[in-house]
């Protein structure tokens, strides 16, 4: 029997996968001069041990892509009163198949919002 925690965890993993897919799809459209062809969708689990609000604030951007890869930010763990949330920034250099840790931090806020400029720099807000 799955507990409420396991259902919430599974839901957040799905959100991380969906964010990755949307970013890859947007990148595909932005870089394509030809009509887009249907192709197989591959989902990648970025992290299967996250808290229930790993991608909280869906109105902000937590996935970006540029010539240096696909980047995603999410909350990994938190303390009881949300004053010390450990967030992670991960990057994929193979189109979203694998992700590696770039950096992580602990703060009283949610995962940072991500932005990228034309030079391929990533900004965390």
PDB file of N, CA and C in Angstrom:
ATOM      1  N   UNK A   1       0.834  -1.173   0.000  1.00  0.00           N
ATOM      2  CA  UNK A   1       0.000   0.000   0.000  1.00  0.00           C
ATOM      3  C   UNK A   1       0.886   1.246   0.000  1.00  0.00           C
ATOM      4  N   UNK A   2       0.601   2.149  -0.907  1.00  0.00           N
ATOM      5  CA  UNK A   2       1.371   3.383  -0.974  1.00  0.00           C
ATOM      6  C   UNK A   2       0.844   4.374   0.050  1.00  0.00           C
ATOM      7  N   UNK A   3       1.777   5.003   0.718  1.00  0.00           N
ATOM      8  CA  UNK A   3       1.407   6.029   1.687  1.00  0.00           C
ATOM      9  C   UNK A   3       1.188   7.345   0.966  1.00  0.00           C
ATOM     10  N   UNK A   4       0.646   8.310   1.678  1.00  0.00           N
ATOM     11  CA  UNK A   4       0.450   9.649   1.106  1.00  0.00           C
ATOM     12  C   UNK A   4       1.788  10.218   0.660  1.00  0.00           C
ATOM     13  N   UNK A   5       2.823  10.000   1.459  1.00  0.00           N
ATOM     14  CA  UNK A   5       4.173  10.481   1.116  1.00  0.00           C
ATOM     15  C   UNK A   5       4.612   9.921  -0.230  1.00  0.00           C
ATOM     16  N   UNK A   6       4.420   8.625  -0.459  1.00  0.00           N
ATOM     17  CA  UNK A   6       4.849   8.007  -1.715  1.00  0.00           C
ATOM     18  C   UNK A   6       4.066   8.561  -2.903  1.00  0.00           C
ATOM     19  N   UNK A   7       2.781   8.834  -2.718  1.00  0.00           N
ATOM     20  CA  UNK A   7       1.994   9.421  -3.801  1.00  0.00           C
ATOM     21  C   UNK A   7       2.495  10.826  -4.119  1.00  0.00           C
ATOM     22  N   UNK A   8       2.797  11.610  -3.081  1.00  0.00           N
ATOM     23  CA  UNK A   8       3.306  12.973  -3.292  1.00  0.00           C
ATOM     24  C   UNK A   8       4.672  12.916  -3.959  1.00  0.00           C
ATOM     25  N   UNK A   9       5.537  12.015  -3.517  1.00  0.00           N
ATOM     26  CA  UNK A   9       6.864  11.869  -4.106  1.00  0.00           C
ATOM     27  C   UNK A   9       6.745  11.498  -5.579  1.00  0.00           C
ATOM     28  N   UNK A  10       5.885  10.548  -5.897  1.00  0.00           N
ATOM     29  CA  UNK A  10       5.696  10.145  -7.293  1.00  0.00           C
ATOM     30  C   UNK A  10       5.182  11.314  -8.123  1.00  0.00           C
ATOM     31  N   UNK A  11       4.299  12.119  -7.559  1.00  0.00           N
ATOM     32  CA  UNK A  11       3.755  13.271  -8.261  1.00  0.00           C
ATOM     33  C   UNK A  11       4.856  14.289  -8.567  1.00  0.00           C
ATOM     34  N   UNK A  12       5.769  14.533  -7.626  1.00  0.00           N
ATOM     35  CA  UNK A  12       6.853  15.483  -7.860  1.00  0.00           C
ATOM     36  C   UNK A  12       7.845  14.969  -8.885  1.00  0.00           C
ATOM     37  N   UNK A  13       8.109  13.671  -8.865  1.00  0.00           N
ATOM     38  CA  UNK A  13       8.995  13.092  -9.881  1.00  0.00           C
ATOM     39  C   UNK A  13       8.364  13.303 -11.254  1.00  0.00           C
ATOM     40  N   UNK A  14       7.055  13.107 -11.353  1.00  0.00           N
ATOM     41  CA  UNK A  14       6.371  13.331 -12.623  1.00  0.00           C
ATOM     42  C   UNK A  14       6.484  14.791 -13.046  1.00  0.00           C
ATOM     43  N   UNK A  15       6.367  15.728 -12.102  1.00  0.00           N
ATOM     44  CA  UNK A  15       6.503  17.154 -12.432  1.00  0.00           C
ATOM     45  C   UNK A  15       7.899  17.463 -12.953  1.00  0.00           C
ATOM     46  N   UNK A  16       8.935  16.897 -12.331  1.00  0.00           N
ATOM     47  CA  UNK A  16      10.298  17.121 -12.812  1.00  0.00           C
ATOM     48  C   UNK A  16      10.473  16.564 -14.216  1.00  0.00           C
ATOM     49  N   UNK A  17       9.892  15.387 -14.473  1.00  0.00           N
ATOM     50  CA  UNK A  17       9.979  14.802 -15.800  1.00  0.00           C
ATOM     51  C   UNK A  17       9.247  15.659 -16.819  1.00  0.00           C
ATOM     52  N   UNK A  18       8.074  16.142 -16.452  1.00  0.00           N
ATOM     53  CA  UNK A  18       7.293  16.982 -17.353  1.00  0.00           C
ATOM     54  C   UNK A  18       8.031  18.280 -17.663  1.00  0.00           C
ATOM     55  N   UNK A  19       8.632  18.902 -16.658  1.00  0.00           N
ATOM     56  CA  UNK A  19       9.387  20.130 -16.889  1.00  0.00           C
ATOM     57  C   UNK A  19      10.535  19.895 -17.856  1.00  0.00           C
ATOM     58  N   UNK A  20      11.205  18.757 -17.716  1.00  0.00           N
ATOM     59  CA  UNK A  20      12.303  18.413 -18.616  1.00  0.00           C
ATOM     60  C   UNK A  20      11.784  18.254 -20.036  1.00  0.00           C
ATOM     61  N   UNK A  21      10.666  17.543 -20.189  1.00  0.00           N
ATOM     62  CA  UNK A  21      10.091  17.328 -21.509  1.00  0.00           C
ATOM     63  C   UNK A  21       9.691  18.649 -22.162  1.00  0.00           C
ATOM     64  N   UNK A  22       9.019  19.512 -21.422  1.00  0.00           N
ATOM     65  CA  UNK A  22       8.568  20.793 -21.970  1.00  0.00           C
ATOM     66  C   UNK A  22       9.766  21.624 -22.415  1.00  0.00           C
ATOM     67  N   UNK A  23      10.828  21.631 -21.622  1.00  0.00           N
ATOM     68  CA  UNK A  23      12.020  22.387 -21.990  1.00  0.00           C
ATOM     69  C   UNK A  23      12.649  21.834 -23.268  1.00  0.00           C
ATOM     70  N   UNK A  24      12.726  20.508 -23.356  1.00  0.00           N
ATOM     71  CA  UNK A  24      13.301  19.886 -24.547  1.00  0.00           C
ATOM     72  C   UNK A  24      12.437  20.186 -25.770  1.00  0.00           C
ATOM     73  N   UNK A  25      11.127  20.137 -25.615  1.00  0.00           N
ATOM     74  CA  UNK A  25      10.219  20.415 -26.714  1.00  0.00           C
ATOM     75  C   UNK A  25      10.346  21.864 -27.163  1.00  0.00           C
ATOM     76  N   UNK A  26      10.391  22.793 -26.211  1.00  0.00           N
ATOM     77  CA  UNK A  26      10.532  24.211 -26.543  1.00  0.00           C
ATOM     78  C   UNK A  26      11.849  24.468 -27.271  1.00  0.00           C
ATOM     79  N   UNK A  27      12.908  23.829 -26.814  1.00  0.00           N
ATOM     80  CA  UNK A  27      14.215  23.976 -27.452  1.00  0.00           C
ATOM     81  C   UNK A  27      14.167  23.443 -28.875  1.00  0.00           C
ATOM     82  N   UNK A  28      13.477  22.342 -29.074  1.00  0.00           N
ATOM     83  CA  UNK A  28      13.351  21.737 -30.390  1.00  0.00           C
ATOM     84  C   UNK A  28      12.641  22.682 -31.355  1.00  0.00           C
ATOM     85  N   UNK A  29      11.530  23.292 -30.903  1.00  0.00           N
ATOM     86  CA  UNK A  29      10.797  24.227 -31.753  1.00  0.00           C
ATOM     87  C   UNK A  29      11.627  25.468 -32.046  1.00  0.00           C
ATOM     88  N   UNK A  30      12.320  25.986 -31.049  1.00  0.00           N
ATOM     89  CA  UNK A  30      13.085  27.223 -31.203  1.00  0.00           C
ATOM     90  C   UNK A  30      14.248  27.049 -32.172  1.00  0.00           C
ATOM     91  N   UNK A  31      14.838  25.848 -32.205  1.00  0.00           N
ATOM     92  CA  UNK A  31      16.024  25.614 -33.028  1.00  0.00           C
ATOM     93  C   UNK A  31      15.704  25.017 -34.390  1.00  0.00           C
ATOM     94  N   UNK A  32      14.453  24.814 -34.710  1.00  0.00           N
ATOM     95  CA  UNK A  32      14.072  24.121 -35.931  1.00  0.00           C
ATOM     96  C   UNK A  32      13.580  25.088 -36.999  1.00  0.00           C
ATOM     97  N   UNK A  33      14.113  24.968 -38.188  1.00  0.00           N
ATOM     98  CA  UNK A  33      13.632  25.725 -39.335  1.00  0.00           C
ATOM     99  C   UNK A  33      12.648  24.883 -40.142  1.00  0.00           C
ATOM    100  N   UNK A  34      12.687  23.583 -39.954  1.00  0.00           N
ATOM    101  CA  UNK A  34      11.830  22.636 -40.668  1.00  0.00           C
ATOM    102  C   UNK A  34      10.575  22.361 -39.848  1.00  0.00           C
ATOM    103  N   UNK A  35       9.503  21.929 -40.497  1.00  0.00           N
ATOM    104  CA  UNK A  35       8.328  21.507 -39.720  1.00  0.00           C
ATOM    105  C   UNK A  35       8.722  20.386 -38.755  1.00  0.00           C
ATOM    106  N   UNK A  36       8.209  20.462 -37.552  1.00  0.00           N
ATOM    107  CA  UNK A  36       8.568  19.484 -36.537  1.00  0.00           C
ATOM    108  C   UNK A  36       7.950  18.127 -36.849  1.00  0.00           C
ATOM    109  N   UNK A  37       8.754  17.089 -36.797  1.00  0.00           N
ATOM    110  CA  UNK A  37       8.310  15.711 -37.007  1.00  0.00           C
ATOM    111  C   UNK A  37       7.963  15.095 -35.662  1.00  0.00           C
ATOM    112  N   UNK A  38       6.975  14.218 -35.649  1.00  0.00           N
ATOM    113  CA  UNK A  38       6.681  13.481 -34.421  1.00  0.00           C
ATOM    114  C   UNK A  38       7.854  12.560 -34.121  1.00  0.00           C
ATOM    115  N   UNK A  39       8.179  12.444 -32.852  1.00  0.00           N
ATOM    116  CA  UNK A  39       9.262  11.543 -32.472  1.00  0.00           C
ATOM    117  C   UNK A  39       8.980  10.957 -31.099  1.00  0.00           C
ATOM    118  N   UNK A  40       9.714   9.929 -30.780  1.00  0.00           N
ATOM    119  CA  UNK A  40       9.549   9.229 -29.517  1.00  0.00           C
ATOM    120  C   UNK A  40       9.917  10.154 -28.359  1.00  0.00           C
ATOM    121  N   UNK A  41       9.118  10.116 -27.298  1.00  0.00           N
ATOM    122  CA  UNK A  41       9.385  10.903 -26.096  1.00  0.00           C
ATOM    123  C   UNK A  41      10.083  10.007 -25.082  1.00  0.00           C
ATOM    124  N   UNK A  42      11.197  10.472 -24.560  1.00  0.00           N
ATOM    125  CA  UNK A  42      11.912   9.752 -23.516  1.00  0.00           C
ATOM    126  C   UNK A  42      11.865  10.576 -22.239  1.00  0.00           C
ATOM    127  N   UNK A  43      11.446   9.958 -21.143  1.00  0.00           N
ATOM    128  CA  UNK A  43      11.395  10.643 -19.849  1.00  0.00           C
ATOM    129  C   UNK A  43      12.612  10.244 -19.020  1.00  0.00           C
ATOM    130  N   UNK A  44      13.145  11.199 -18.293  1.00  0.00           N
ATOM    131  CA  UNK A  44      14.305  10.968 -17.443  1.00  0.00           C
ATOM    132  C   UNK A  44      13.965  11.375 -16.019  1.00  0.00           C
ATOM    133  N   UNK A  45      14.248  10.513 -15.076  1.00  0.00           N
ATOM    134  CA  UNK A  45      14.073  10.854 -13.669  1.00  0.00           C
ATOM    135  C   UNK A  45      15.309  11.638 -13.230  1.00  0.00           C
ATOM    136  N   UNK A  46      15.106  12.886 -12.871  1.00  0.00           N
ATOM    137  CA  UNK A  46      16.229  13.723 -12.444  1.00  0.00           C
ATOM    138  C   UNK A  46      16.662  13.356 -11.031  1.00  0.00           C
ATOM    139  N   UNK A  47      15.701  13.153 -10.148  1.00  0.00           N
ATOM    140  CA  UNK A  47      15.986  12.822  -8.750  1.00  0.00           C
ATOM    141  C   UNK A  47      14.736  12.178  -8.167  1.00  0.00           C
ATOM    142  N   UNK A  48      14.854  10.996  -7.622  1.00  0.00           N
ATOM    143  CA  UNK A  48      13.666  10.308  -7.102  1.00  0.00           C
ATOM    144  C   UNK A  48      13.495  10.464  -5.591  1.00  0.00           C
ATOM    145  N   UNK A  49      14.311  11.280  -4.972  1.00  0.00           N
ATOM    146  CA  UNK A  49      14.216  11.522  -3.526  1.00  0.00           C
ATOM    147  C   UNK A  49      14.085  13.012  -3.264  1.00  0.00           C
ATOM    148  N   UNK A  50      12.918  13.568  -3.578  1.00  0.00           N
ATOM    149  CA  UNK A  50      12.680  14.997  -3.378  1.00  0.00           C
ATOM    150  C   UNK A  50      11.473  15.193  -2.467  1.00  0.00           C
ATOM    151  N   UNK A  51      11.312  16.403  -1.954  1.00  0.00           N
ATOM    152  CA  UNK A  51      10.167  16.693  -1.094  1.00  0.00           C
ATOM    153  C   UNK A  51       8.933  16.967  -1.937  1.00  0.00           C
ATOM    154  N   UNK A  52       7.785  17.031  -1.291  1.00  0.00           N
ATOM    155  CA  UNK A  52       6.525  17.176  -2.022  1.00  0.00           C
ATOM    156  C   UNK A  52       6.399  18.485  -2.786  1.00  0.00           C
ATOM    157  N   UNK A  53       7.142  19.504  -2.436  1.00  0.00           N
ATOM    158  CA  UNK A  53       7.051  20.788  -3.142  1.00  0.00           C
ATOM    159  C   UNK A  53       8.350  21.113  -3.883  1.00  0.00           C
ATOM    160  N   UNK A  54       8.962  20.105  -4.483  1.00  0.00           N
ATOM    161  CA  UNK A  54      10.269  20.267  -5.121  1.00  0.00           C
ATOM    162  C   UNK A  54      10.296  21.338  -6.202  1.00  0.00           C
ATOM    163  N   UNK A  55       9.209  21.489  -6.924  1.00  0.00           N
ATOM    164  CA  UNK A  55       9.158  22.492  -7.982  1.00  0.00           C
ATOM    165  C   UNK A  55       8.088  23.538  -7.688  1.00  0.00           C
ATOM    166  N   UNK A  56       7.893  23.836  -6.406  1.00  0.00           N
ATOM    167  CA  UNK A  56       6.890  24.804  -5.973  1.00  0.00           C
ATOM    168  C   UNK A  56       7.059  26.116  -6.727  1.00  0.00           C
ATOM    169  N   UNK A  57       5.997  26.831  -6.891  1.00  0.00           N
ATOM    170  CA  UNK A  57       5.942  28.082  -7.644  1.00  0.00           C
ATOM    171  C   UNK A  57       5.961  27.789  -9.135  1.00  0.00           C
ATOM    172  N   UNK A  58       4.945  27.136  -9.622  1.00  0.00           N
ATOM    173  CA  UNK A  58       4.897  26.789 -11.040  1.00  0.00           C
ATOM    174  C   UNK A  58       4.813  28.012 -11.944  1.00  0.00           C
ATOM    175  N   UNK A  59       4.616  29.183 -11.368  1.00  0.00           N
ATOM    176  CA  UNK A  59       4.593  30.402 -12.168  1.00  0.00           C
ATOM    177  C   UNK A  59       5.998  30.939 -12.440  1.00  0.00           C
ATOM    178  N   UNK A  60       7.013  30.275 -11.936  1.00  0.00           N
ATOM    179  CA  UNK A  60       8.390  30.685 -12.179  1.00  0.00           C
ATOM    180  C   UNK A  60       9.119  29.604 -12.958  1.00  0.00           C
ATOM    181  N   UNK A  61      10.220  29.975 -13.563  1.00  0.00           N
ATOM    182  CA  UNK A  61      10.940  29.085 -14.464  1.00  0.00           C
ATOM    183  C   UNK A  61      12.033  28.301 -13.728  1.00  0.00           C
ATOM    184  N   UNK A  62      11.909  26.985 -13.733  1.00  0.00           N
ATOM    185  CA  UNK A  62      12.898  26.133 -13.070  1.00  0.00           C
ATOM    186  C   UNK A  62      13.639  25.231 -14.051  1.00  0.00           C
ATOM    187  N   UNK A  63      13.354  25.354 -15.332  1.00  0.00           N
ATOM    188  CA  UNK A  63      14.062  24.601 -16.367  1.00  0.00           C
ATOM    189  C   UNK A  63      14.371  25.548 -17.516  1.00  0.00           C
ATOM    190  N   UNK A  64      15.628  25.588 -17.937  1.00  0.00           N
ATOM    191  CA  UNK A  64      16.027  26.358 -19.112  1.00  0.00           C
ATOM    192  C   UNK A  64      17.004  25.531 -19.929  1.00  0.00           C
ATOM    193  N   UNK A  65      17.092  25.848 -21.205  1.00  0.00           N
ATOM    194  CA  UNK A  65      18.093  25.191 -22.043  1.00  0.00           C
ATOM    195  C   UNK A  65      18.807  26.250 -22.875  1.00  0.00           C
ATOM    196  N   UNK A  66      20.067  25.995 -23.130  1.00  0.00           N
ATOM    197  CA  UNK A  66      20.869  26.846 -24.002  1.00  0.00           C
ATOM    198  C   UNK A  66      21.945  25.966 -24.629  1.00  0.00           C
ATOM    199  N   UNK A  67      22.916  26.553 -25.287  1.00  0.00           N
ATOM    200  CA  UNK A  67      23.934  25.748 -25.967  1.00  0.00           C
ATOM    201  C   UNK A  67      24.802  24.933 -25.006  1.00  0.00           C
ATOM    202  N   UNK A  68      24.736  25.241 -23.717  1.00  0.00           N
ATOM    203  CA  UNK A  68      25.523  24.506 -22.723  1.00  0.00           C
ATOM    204  C   UNK A  68      24.752  23.352 -22.088  1.00  0.00           C
ATOM    205  N   UNK A  69      23.494  23.162 -22.457  1.00  0.00           N
ATOM    206  CA  UNK A  69      22.726  22.033 -21.938  1.00  0.00           C
ATOM    207  C   UNK A  69      21.350  22.434 -21.438  1.00  0.00           C
ATOM    208  N   UNK A  70      20.710  21.496 -20.765  1.00  0.00           N
ATOM    209  CA  UNK A  70      19.416  21.713 -20.119  1.00  0.00           C
ATOM    210  C   UNK A  70      19.682  21.814 -18.627  1.00  0.00           C
ATOM    211  N   UNK A  71      19.144  22.846 -17.988  1.00  0.00           N
ATOM    212  CA  UNK A  71      19.360  23.095 -16.573  1.00  0.00           C
ATOM    213  C   UNK A  71      18.022  23.043 -15.844  1.00  0.00           C
ATOM    214  N   UNK A  72      18.019  22.472 -14.640  1.00  0.00           N
ATOM    215  CA  UNK A  72      16.804  22.403 -13.825  1.00  0.00           C
ATOM    216  C   UNK A  72      17.165  22.686 -12.372  1.00  0.00           C
ATOM    217  N   UNK A  73      16.261  23.372 -11.670  1.00  0.00           N
ATOM    218  CA  UNK A  73      16.449  23.673 -10.243  1.00  0.00           C
ATOM    219  C   UNK A  73      15.238  23.147  -9.480  1.00  0.00           C
ATOM    220  N   UNK A  74      15.495  22.556  -8.314  1.00  0.00           N
ATOM    221  CA  UNK A  74      14.416  22.003  -7.490  1.00  0.00           C
ATOM    222  C   UNK A  74      14.874  21.899  -6.051  1.00  0.00           C
ATOM    223  N   UNK A  75      13.913  21.771  -5.146  1.00  0.00           N
ATOM    224  CA  UNK A  75      14.219  21.602  -3.723  1.00  0.00           C
ATOM    225  C   UNK A  75      14.394  20.114  -3.442  1.00  0.00           C
ATOM    226  N   UNK A  76      15.489  19.768  -2.811  1.00  0.00           N
ATOM    227  CA  UNK A  76      15.797  18.381  -2.467  1.00  0.00           C
ATOM    228  C   UNK A  76      15.247  18.013  -1.088  1.00  0.00           C
ATOM    229  N   UNK A  77      15.579  18.807  -0.071  1.00  0.00           N
ATOM    230  CA  UNK A  77      15.137  18.540   1.300  1.00  0.00           C
ATOM    231  C   UNK A  77      14.812  19.859   1.991  1.00  0.00           C
ATOM    232  N   UNK A  78      14.185  19.763   3.147  1.00  0.00           N
ATOM    233  CA  UNK A  78      13.868  20.958   3.939  1.00  0.00           C
ATOM    234  C   UNK A  78      13.799  20.571   5.403  1.00  0.00           C
ATOM    235  N   UNK A  79      13.900  21.591   6.257  1.00  0.00           N
ATOM    236  CA  UNK A  79      13.676  21.332   7.681  1.00  0.00           C
ATOM    237  C   UNK A  79      12.193  21.565   7.987  1.00  0.00           C
ATOM    238  N   UNK A  80      11.789  21.294   9.204  1.00  0.00           N
ATOM    239  CA  UNK A  80      10.378  21.331   9.580  1.00  0.00           C
ATOM    240  C   UNK A  80       9.716  22.689   9.364  1.00  0.00           C
ATOM    241  N   UNK A  81      10.409  23.775   9.665  1.00  0.00           N
ATOM    242  CA  UNK A  81       9.785  25.097   9.531  1.00  0.00           C
ATOM    243  C   UNK A  81      10.169  25.820   8.229  1.00  0.00           C
ATOM    244  N   UNK A  82      10.681  25.091   7.267  1.00  0.00           N
ATOM    245  CA  UNK A  82      11.028  25.638   5.938  1.00  0.00           C
ATOM    246  C   UNK A  82      12.064  26.756   5.987  1.00  0.00           C
ATOM    247  N   UNK A  83      12.893  26.792   6.994  1.00  0.00           N
ATOM    248  CA  UNK A  83      13.904  27.853   7.081  1.00  0.00           C
ATOM    249  C   UNK A  83      15.247  27.410   6.516  1.00  0.00           C
ATOM    250  N   UNK A  84      15.370  26.150   6.146  1.00  0.00           N
ATOM    251  CA  UNK A  84      16.614  25.637   5.571  1.00  0.00           C
ATOM    252  C   UNK A  84      16.264  24.590   4.511  1.00  0.00           C
ATOM    253  N   UNK A  85      15.993  25.077   3.305  1.00  0.00           N
ATOM    254  CA  UNK A  85      15.659  24.176   2.200  1.00  0.00           C
ATOM    255  C   UNK A  85      16.888  23.967   1.325  1.00  0.00           C
ATOM    256  N   UNK A  86      17.238  22.709   1.108  1.00  0.00           N
ATOM    257  CA  UNK A  86      18.380  22.388   0.249  1.00  0.00           C
ATOM    258  C   UNK A  86      17.882  22.291  -1.189  1.00  0.00           C
ATOM    259  N   UNK A  87      18.395  23.170  -2.052  1.00  0.00           N
ATOM    260  CA  UNK A  87      18.011  23.149  -3.457  1.00  0.00           C
ATOM    261  C   UNK A  87      19.186  22.695  -4.301  1.00  0.00           C
ATOM    262  N   UNK A  88      18.884  22.222  -5.481  1.00  0.00           N
ATOM    263  CA  UNK A  88      19.921  21.740  -6.401  1.00  0.00           C
ATOM    264  C   UNK A  88      19.733  22.346  -7.784  1.00  0.00           C
ATOM    265  N   UNK A  89      20.852  22.568  -8.448  1.00  0.00           N
ATOM    266  CA  UNK A  89      20.879  22.924  -9.863  1.00  0.00           C
ATOM    267  C   UNK A  89      21.562  21.769 -10.578  1.00  0.00           C
ATOM    268  N   UNK A  90      20.874  21.175 -11.547  1.00  0.00           N
ATOM    269  CA  UNK A  90      21.425  20.055 -12.308  1.00  0.00           C
ATOM    270  C   UNK A  90      21.491  20.421 -13.781  1.00  0.00           C
ATOM    271  N   UNK A  91      22.349  19.702 -14.522  1.00  0.00           N
ATOM    272  CA  UNK A  91      22.526  19.988 -15.949  1.00  0.00           C
ATOM    273  C   UNK A  91      22.614  18.692 -16.739  1.00  0.00           C
ATOM    274  N   UNK A  92      22.039  18.718 -17.926  1.00  0.00           N
ATOM    275  CA  UNK A  92      22.165  17.621 -18.877  1.00  0.00           C
ATOM    276  C   UNK A  92      22.899  18.135 -20.101  1.00  0.00           C
ATOM    277  N   UNK A  93      23.874  17.378 -20.558  1.00  0.00           N
ATOM    278  CA  UNK A  93      24.595  17.744 -21.784  1.00  0.00           C
ATOM    279  C   UNK A  93      24.305  16.747 -22.898  1.00  0.00           C
ATOM    280  N   UNK A  94      23.354  15.835 -22.663  1.00  0.00           N
ATOM    281  CA  UNK A  94      23.010  14.832 -23.672  1.00  0.00           C
ATOM    282  C   UNK A  94      21.521  14.853 -24.027  1.00  0.00           C
ATOM    283  N   UNK A  95      20.960  16.058 -24.057  1.00  0.00           N
ATOM    284  CA  UNK A  95      19.571  16.191 -24.468  1.00  0.00           C
ATOM    285  C   UNK A  95      18.543  15.766 -23.436  1.00  0.00           C
ATOM    286  N   UNK A  96      18.940  15.673 -22.182  1.00  0.00           N
ATOM    287  CA  UNK A  96      18.002  15.332 -21.121  1.00  0.00           C
ATOM    288  C   UNK A  96      17.999  13.874 -20.719  1.00  0.00           C
ATOM    289  N   UNK A  97      18.904  13.083 -21.257  1.00  0.00           N
ATOM    290  CA  UNK A  97      18.954  11.661 -20.882  1.00  0.00           C
ATOM    291  C   UNK A  97      19.558  11.448 -19.496  1.00  0.00           C
ATOM    292  N   UNK A  98      20.543  12.257 -19.154  1.00  0.00           N
ATOM    293  CA  UNK A  98      21.214  12.158 -17.857  1.00  0.00           C
ATOM    294  C   UNK A  98      21.425  13.570 -17.313  1.00  0.00           C
ATOM    295  N   UNK A  99      21.384  13.686 -16.002  1.00  0.00           N
ATOM    296  CA  UNK A  99      21.615  14.968 -15.343  1.00  0.00           C
ATOM    297  C   UNK A  99      22.695  14.809 -14.288  1.00  0.00           C
ATOM    298  N   UNK A 100      23.524  15.830 -14.137  1.00  0.00           N
ATOM    299  CA  UNK A 100      24.556  15.820 -13.100  1.00  0.00           C
ATOM    300  C   UNK A 100      24.426  17.094 -12.268  1.00  0.00           C
ATOM    301  N   UNK A 101      24.864  16.999 -11.036  1.00  0.00           N
ATOM    302  CA  UNK A 101      24.793  18.120 -10.098  1.00  0.00           C
ATOM    303  C   UNK A 101      25.790  19.202 -10.502  1.00  0.00           C
ATOM    304  N   UNK A 102      25.295  20.436 -10.607  1.00  0.00           N
ATOM    305  CA  UNK A 102      26.157  21.588 -10.872  1.00  0.00           C
ATOM    306  C   UNK A 102      26.508  22.248  -9.549  1.00  0.00           C
ATOM    307  N   UNK A 103      25.485  22.543  -8.766  1.00  0.00           N
ATOM    308  CA  UNK A 103      25.687  23.155  -7.458  1.00  0.00           C
ATOM    309  C   UNK A 103      24.441  22.933  -6.621  1.00  0.00           C
ATOM    310  N   UNK A 104      24.582  23.164  -5.332  1.00  0.00           N
ATOM    311  CA  UNK A 104      23.433  23.107  -4.432  1.00  0.00           C
ATOM    312  C   UNK A 104      23.646  24.132  -3.331  1.00  0.00           C
ATOM    313  N   UNK A 105      22.556  24.507  -2.705  1.00  0.00           N
ATOM    314  CA  UNK A 105      22.636  25.483  -1.635  1.00  0.00           C
ATOM    315  C   UNK A 105      21.527  25.264  -0.637  1.00  0.00           C
ATOM    316  N   UNK A 106      21.634  25.924   0.489  1.00  0.00           N
ATOM    317  CA  UNK A 106      20.602  25.856   1.523  1.00  0.00           C
ATOM    318  C   UNK A 106      20.163  27.275   1.831  1.00  0.00           C
ATOM    319  N   UNK A 107      18.852  27.496   1.775  1.00  0.00           N
ATOM    320  CA  UNK A 107      18.312  28.815   2.073  1.00  0.00           C
ATOM    321  C   UNK A 107      16.879  28.668   2.565  1.00  0.00           C
ATOM    322  N   UNK A 108      16.286  29.768   2.988  1.00  0.00           N
ATOM    323  CA  UNK A 108      14.906  29.751   3.482  1.00  0.00           C
ATOM    324  C   UNK A 108      13.916  29.993   2.349  1.00  0.00           C
ATOM    325  N   UNK A 109      14.361  29.898   1.120  1.00  0.00           N
ATOM    326  CA  UNK A 109      13.492  30.119  -0.026  1.00  0.00           C
ATOM    327  C   UNK A 109      13.328  28.840  -0.836  1.00  0.00           C
ATOM    328  N   UNK A 110      12.482  28.895  -1.847  1.00  0.00           N
ATOM    329  CA  UNK A 110      12.311  27.765  -2.753  1.00  0.00           C
ATOM    330  C   UNK A 110      13.474  27.704  -3.724  1.00  0.00           C
ATOM    331  N   UNK A 111      13.437  26.733  -4.600  1.00  0.00           N
ATOM    332  CA  UNK A 111      14.497  26.606  -5.604  1.00  0.00           C
ATOM    333  C   UNK A 111      14.594  27.893  -6.412  1.00  0.00           C
ATOM    334  N   UNK A 112      15.801  28.286  -6.808  1.00  0.00           N
ATOM    335  CA  UNK A 112      15.948  29.536  -7.549  1.00  0.00           C
ATOM    336  C   UNK A 112      15.282  29.473  -8.915  1.00  0.00           C
ATOM    337  N   UNK A 113      14.858  30.644  -9.376  1.00  0.00           N
ATOM    338  CA  UNK A 113      14.346  30.792 -10.733  1.00  0.00           C
ATOM    339  C   UNK A 113      15.552  30.835 -11.661  1.00  0.00           C
ATOM    340  N   UNK A 114      15.441  30.221 -12.829  1.00  0.00           N
ATOM    341  CA  UNK A 114      16.554  30.166 -13.776  1.00  0.00           C
ATOM    342  C   UNK A 114      16.283  31.050 -14.984  1.00  0.00           C
ATOM    343  N   UNK A 115      17.326  31.681 -15.453  1.00  0.00           N
ATOM    344  CA  UNK A 115      17.294  32.460 -16.699  1.00  0.00           C
ATOM    345  C   UNK A 115      18.601  32.203 -17.431  1.00  0.00           C
ATOM    346  N   UNK A 116      18.589  32.408 -18.735  1.00  0.00           N
ATOM    347  CA  UNK A 116      19.787  32.259 -19.555  1.00  0.00           C
ATOM    348  C   UNK A 116      19.879  33.446 -20.504  1.00  0.00           C
ATOM    349  N   UNK A 117      21.105  33.839 -20.847  1.00  0.00           N
ATOM    350  CA  UNK A 117      21.276  34.925 -21.805  1.00  0.00           C
ATOM    351  C   UNK A 117      21.794  34.373 -23.136  1.00  0.00           C
ATOM    352  N   UNK A 118      21.985  35.255 -24.103  1.00  0.00           N
ATOM    353  CA  UNK A 118      22.422  34.840 -25.437  1.00  0.00           C
ATOM    354  C   UNK A 118      23.828  34.259 -25.457  1.00  0.00           C
ATOM    355  N   UNK A 119      24.621  34.522 -24.416  1.00  0.00           N
ATOM    356  CA  UNK A 119      25.978  33.988 -24.340  1.00  0.00           C
ATOM    357  C   UNK A 119      26.034  32.619 -23.657  1.00  0.00           C
ATOM    358  N   UNK A 120      24.871  32.091 -23.239  1.00  0.00           N
ATOM    359  CA  UNK A 120      24.831  30.779 -22.612  1.00  0.00           C
ATOM    360  C   UNK A 120      25.056  30.786 -21.126  1.00  0.00           C
ATOM    361  N   UNK A 121      25.061  31.980 -20.508  1.00  0.00           N
ATOM    362  CA  UNK A 121      25.210  32.058 -19.058  1.00  0.00           C
ATOM    363  C   UNK A 121      23.882  31.707 -18.397  1.00  0.00           C
ATOM    364  N   UNK A 122      23.966  31.086 -17.224  1.00  0.00           N
ATOM    365  CA  UNK A 122      22.782  30.750 -16.427  1.00  0.00           C
ATOM    366  C   UNK A 122      22.742  31.674 -15.213  1.00  0.00           C
ATOM    367  N   UNK A 123      21.581  32.239 -14.942  1.00  0.00           N
ATOM    368  CA  UNK A 123      21.393  33.116 -13.794  1.00  0.00           C
ATOM    369  C   UNK A 123      20.370  32.483 -12.854  1.00  0.00           C
ATOM    370  N   UNK A 124      20.695  32.469 -11.563  1.00  0.00           N
ATOM    371  CA  UNK A 124      19.797  31.957 -10.541  1.00  0.00           C
ATOM    372  C   UNK A 124      19.298  33.131  -9.716  1.00  0.00           C
ATOM    373  N   UNK A 125      17.975  33.275  -9.601  1.00  0.00           N
ATOM    374  CA  UNK A 125      17.366  34.374  -8.850  1.00  0.00           C
ATOM    375  C   UNK A 125      16.630  33.850  -7.651  1.00  0.00           C
TER     376      UNK A 125
END
